[in-house]
């Protein structure tokens, strides 16, 4: 994605990385092949290495239904100092595309 100048990845699921049931509560380890001490390697690669911001739990159904594949998106996060994340209100403006 870095080569395509992607700046934002929005998913309608809660995690960028695969997460086993119980992993967040320490009852299961990360998937095989995950780098040591980096259980969310894809999230790290996207944000810290490639500069790609991420939104999880986005409601993308209406955009998919209207075939909006590209949009200008405005992100309105909470104003907080020192935070590592925030609930946001994304506003996307795009024109329906062709299949």
C-alpha atoms as a PDB file:
ATOM      1  CA  UNK A   1       0.000   0.000   0.000  1.00  0.00           C
ATOM      2  CA  UNK A   2       2.923   2.335   0.622  1.00  0.00           C
ATOM      3  CA  UNK A   3       3.764   2.382  -3.109  1.00  0.00           C
ATOM      4  CA  UNK A   4       0.198   3.480  -3.959  1.00  0.00           C
ATOM      5  CA  UNK A   5       0.335   6.507  -1.613  1.00  0.00           C
ATOM      6  CA  UNK A   6      -2.493   5.192   0.584  1.00  0.00           C
ATOM      7  CA  UNK A   7      -3.025   7.508   3.563  1.00  0.00           C
ATOM      8  CA  UNK A   8      -6.042   5.904   5.247  1.00  0.00           C
ATOM      9  CA  UNK A   9      -7.361   2.371   5.595  1.00  0.00           C
ATOM     10  CA  UNK A  10     -10.946   2.073   6.843  1.00  0.00           C
ATOM     11  CA  UNK A  11     -12.320  -1.348   7.724  1.00  0.00           C
ATOM     12  CA  UNK A  12     -15.778  -2.370   8.860  1.00  0.00           C
ATOM     13  CA  UNK A  13     -14.346  -4.895  11.318  1.00  0.00           C
ATOM     14  CA  UNK A  14     -12.674  -4.255  14.687  1.00  0.00           C
ATOM     15  CA  UNK A  15      -9.056  -5.246  13.896  1.00  0.00           C
ATOM     16  CA  UNK A  16      -6.532  -4.815  11.101  1.00  0.00           C
ATOM     17  CA  UNK A  17      -4.617  -7.877  12.325  1.00  0.00           C
ATOM     18  CA  UNK A  18      -6.013 -11.374  12.877  1.00  0.00           C
ATOM     19  CA  UNK A  19      -7.023 -11.732  16.533  1.00  0.00           C
ATOM     20  CA  UNK A  20      -7.828 -15.073  18.136  1.00  0.00           C
ATOM     21  CA  UNK A  21     -10.719 -15.315  20.554  1.00  0.00           C
ATOM     22  CA  UNK A  22      -9.302 -14.702  24.010  1.00  0.00           C
ATOM     23  CA  UNK A  23      -6.108 -13.067  22.712  1.00  0.00           C
ATOM     24  CA  UNK A  24      -6.994  -9.621  24.073  1.00  0.00           C
ATOM     25  CA  UNK A  25      -7.613 -11.142  27.514  1.00  0.00           C
ATOM     26  CA  UNK A  26      -4.294 -13.036  27.502  1.00  0.00           C
ATOM     27  CA  UNK A  27      -5.960 -16.435  27.080  1.00  0.00           C
ATOM     28  CA  UNK A  28      -4.503 -17.050  23.615  1.00  0.00           C
ATOM     29  CA  UNK A  29      -1.285 -15.983  21.943  1.00  0.00           C
ATOM     30  CA  UNK A  30      -1.018 -14.157  18.613  1.00  0.00           C
ATOM     31  CA  UNK A  31      -1.159 -16.042  15.289  1.00  0.00           C
ATOM     32  CA  UNK A  32       1.840 -18.098  14.158  1.00  0.00           C
ATOM     33  CA  UNK A  33       4.514 -16.039  12.436  1.00  0.00           C
ATOM     34  CA  UNK A  34       3.771 -12.878  14.430  1.00  0.00           C
ATOM     35  CA  UNK A  35       7.018 -11.052  15.315  1.00  0.00           C
ATOM     36  CA  UNK A  36       7.943 -11.360  19.016  1.00  0.00           C
ATOM     37  CA  UNK A  37       6.619  -8.498  21.190  1.00  0.00           C
ATOM     38  CA  UNK A  38       4.589  -7.185  18.233  1.00  0.00           C
ATOM     39  CA  UNK A  39       1.180  -8.919  18.371  1.00  0.00           C
ATOM     40  CA  UNK A  40      -0.427  -6.363  16.037  1.00  0.00           C
ATOM     41  CA  UNK A  41       2.257  -6.305  13.334  1.00  0.00           C
ATOM     42  CA  UNK A  42       0.014  -5.170  10.456  1.00  0.00           C
ATOM     43  CA  UNK A  43      -1.313  -2.235  12.486  1.00  0.00           C
ATOM     44  CA  UNK A  44       2.297  -1.321  13.374  1.00  0.00           C
ATOM     45  CA  UNK A  45       3.508  -1.631   9.764  1.00  0.00           C
ATOM     46  CA  UNK A  46       0.649   0.506   8.449  1.00  0.00           C
ATOM     47  CA  UNK A  47       0.840   3.299  10.995  1.00  0.00           C
ATOM     48  CA  UNK A  48       4.413   3.447  12.336  1.00  0.00           C
ATOM     49  CA  UNK A  49       6.317   2.352   9.218  1.00  0.00           C
ATOM     50  CA  UNK A  50       4.126   3.411   6.263  1.00  0.00           C
ATOM     51  CA  UNK A  51       2.225   6.353   7.798  1.00  0.00           C
ATOM     52  CA  UNK A  52      -1.161   4.863   6.897  1.00  0.00           C
ATOM     53  CA  UNK A  53      -3.854   5.898   9.369  1.00  0.00           C
ATOM     54  CA  UNK A  54      -6.526   3.342  10.240  1.00  0.00           C
ATOM     55  CA  UNK A  55     -10.202   3.391  11.131  1.00  0.00           C
ATOM     56  CA  UNK A  56     -11.807   0.264  12.514  1.00  0.00           C
ATOM     57  CA  UNK A  57     -15.555  -0.402  12.784  1.00  0.00           C
ATOM     58  CA  UNK A  58     -16.367   1.990   9.943  1.00  0.00           C
ATOM     59  CA  UNK A  59     -19.888   1.742   8.558  1.00  0.00           C
ATOM     60  CA  UNK A  60     -19.099   1.238   4.871  1.00  0.00           C
ATOM     61  CA  UNK A  61     -22.316  -0.453   3.708  1.00  0.00           C
ATOM     62  CA  UNK A  62     -23.860   2.658   2.115  1.00  0.00           C
ATOM     63  CA  UNK A  63     -20.647   3.524   0.257  1.00  0.00           C
ATOM     64  CA  UNK A  64     -20.330  -0.043  -1.051  1.00  0.00           C
ATOM     65  CA  UNK A  65     -23.998  -0.110  -2.071  1.00  0.00           C
ATOM     66  CA  UNK A  66     -23.495   3.160  -4.008  1.00  0.00           C
ATOM     67  CA  UNK A  67     -20.190   1.866  -5.463  1.00  0.00           C
ATOM     68  CA  UNK A  68     -18.171   4.776  -4.047  1.00  0.00           C
ATOM     69  CA  UNK A  69     -14.646   3.368  -4.325  1.00  0.00           C
ATOM     70  CA  UNK A  70     -12.766   6.660  -3.953  1.00  0.00           C
ATOM     71  CA  UNK A  71     -13.700   9.563  -1.732  1.00  0.00           C
ATOM     72  CA  UNK A  72     -12.469  12.713  -0.080  1.00  0.00           C
ATOM     73  CA  UNK A  73     -12.783  11.875   3.596  1.00  0.00           C
ATOM     74  CA  UNK A  74     -12.681  14.326   6.465  1.00  0.00           C
ATOM     75  CA  UNK A  75     -11.820  12.838   9.864  1.00  0.00           C
ATOM     76  CA  UNK A  76     -12.994  14.608  12.997  1.00  0.00           C
ATOM     77  CA  UNK A  77     -11.199  13.095  16.040  1.00  0.00           C
ATOM     78  CA  UNK A  78     -11.554  14.101  19.670  1.00  0.00           C
ATOM     79  CA  UNK A  79      -9.068  16.756  20.758  1.00  0.00           C
ATOM     80  CA  UNK A  80      -6.871  15.019  23.293  1.00  0.00           C
ATOM     81  CA  UNK A  81      -3.207  15.393  24.120  1.00  0.00           C
ATOM     82  CA  UNK A  82      -0.945  12.331  24.219  1.00  0.00           C
ATOM     83  CA  UNK A  83      -3.570   9.837  23.083  1.00  0.00           C
ATOM     84  CA  UNK A  84      -2.840   6.907  20.799  1.00  0.00           C
ATOM     85  CA  UNK A  85      -6.318   6.748  19.299  1.00  0.00           C
ATOM     86  CA  UNK A  86      -9.691   8.434  19.307  1.00  0.00           C
ATOM     87  CA  UNK A  87     -13.277   7.849  18.331  1.00  0.00           C
ATOM     88  CA  UNK A  88     -13.762   9.735  15.063  1.00  0.00           C
ATOM     89  CA  UNK A  89     -16.574  10.954  12.900  1.00  0.00           C
ATOM     90  CA  UNK A  90     -15.498  10.338   9.284  1.00  0.00           C
ATOM     91  CA  UNK A  91     -17.339  12.259   6.591  1.00  0.00           C
ATOM     92  CA  UNK A  92     -16.803  10.900   3.067  1.00  0.00           C
ATOM     93  CA  UNK A  93     -17.712  12.717  -0.125  1.00  0.00           C
ATOM     94  CA  UNK A  94     -17.503  10.645  -3.273  1.00  0.00           C
ATOM     95  CA  UNK A  95     -19.259   9.976  -6.543  1.00  0.00           C
ATOM     96  CA  UNK A  96     -20.698   6.566  -7.402  1.00  0.00           C
ATOM     97  CA  UNK A  97     -18.364   4.635  -9.665  1.00  0.00           C
ATOM     98  CA  UNK A  98     -18.698   1.961 -12.288  1.00  0.00           C
ATOM     99  CA  UNK A  99     -18.328  -1.754 -11.573  1.00  0.00           C
END
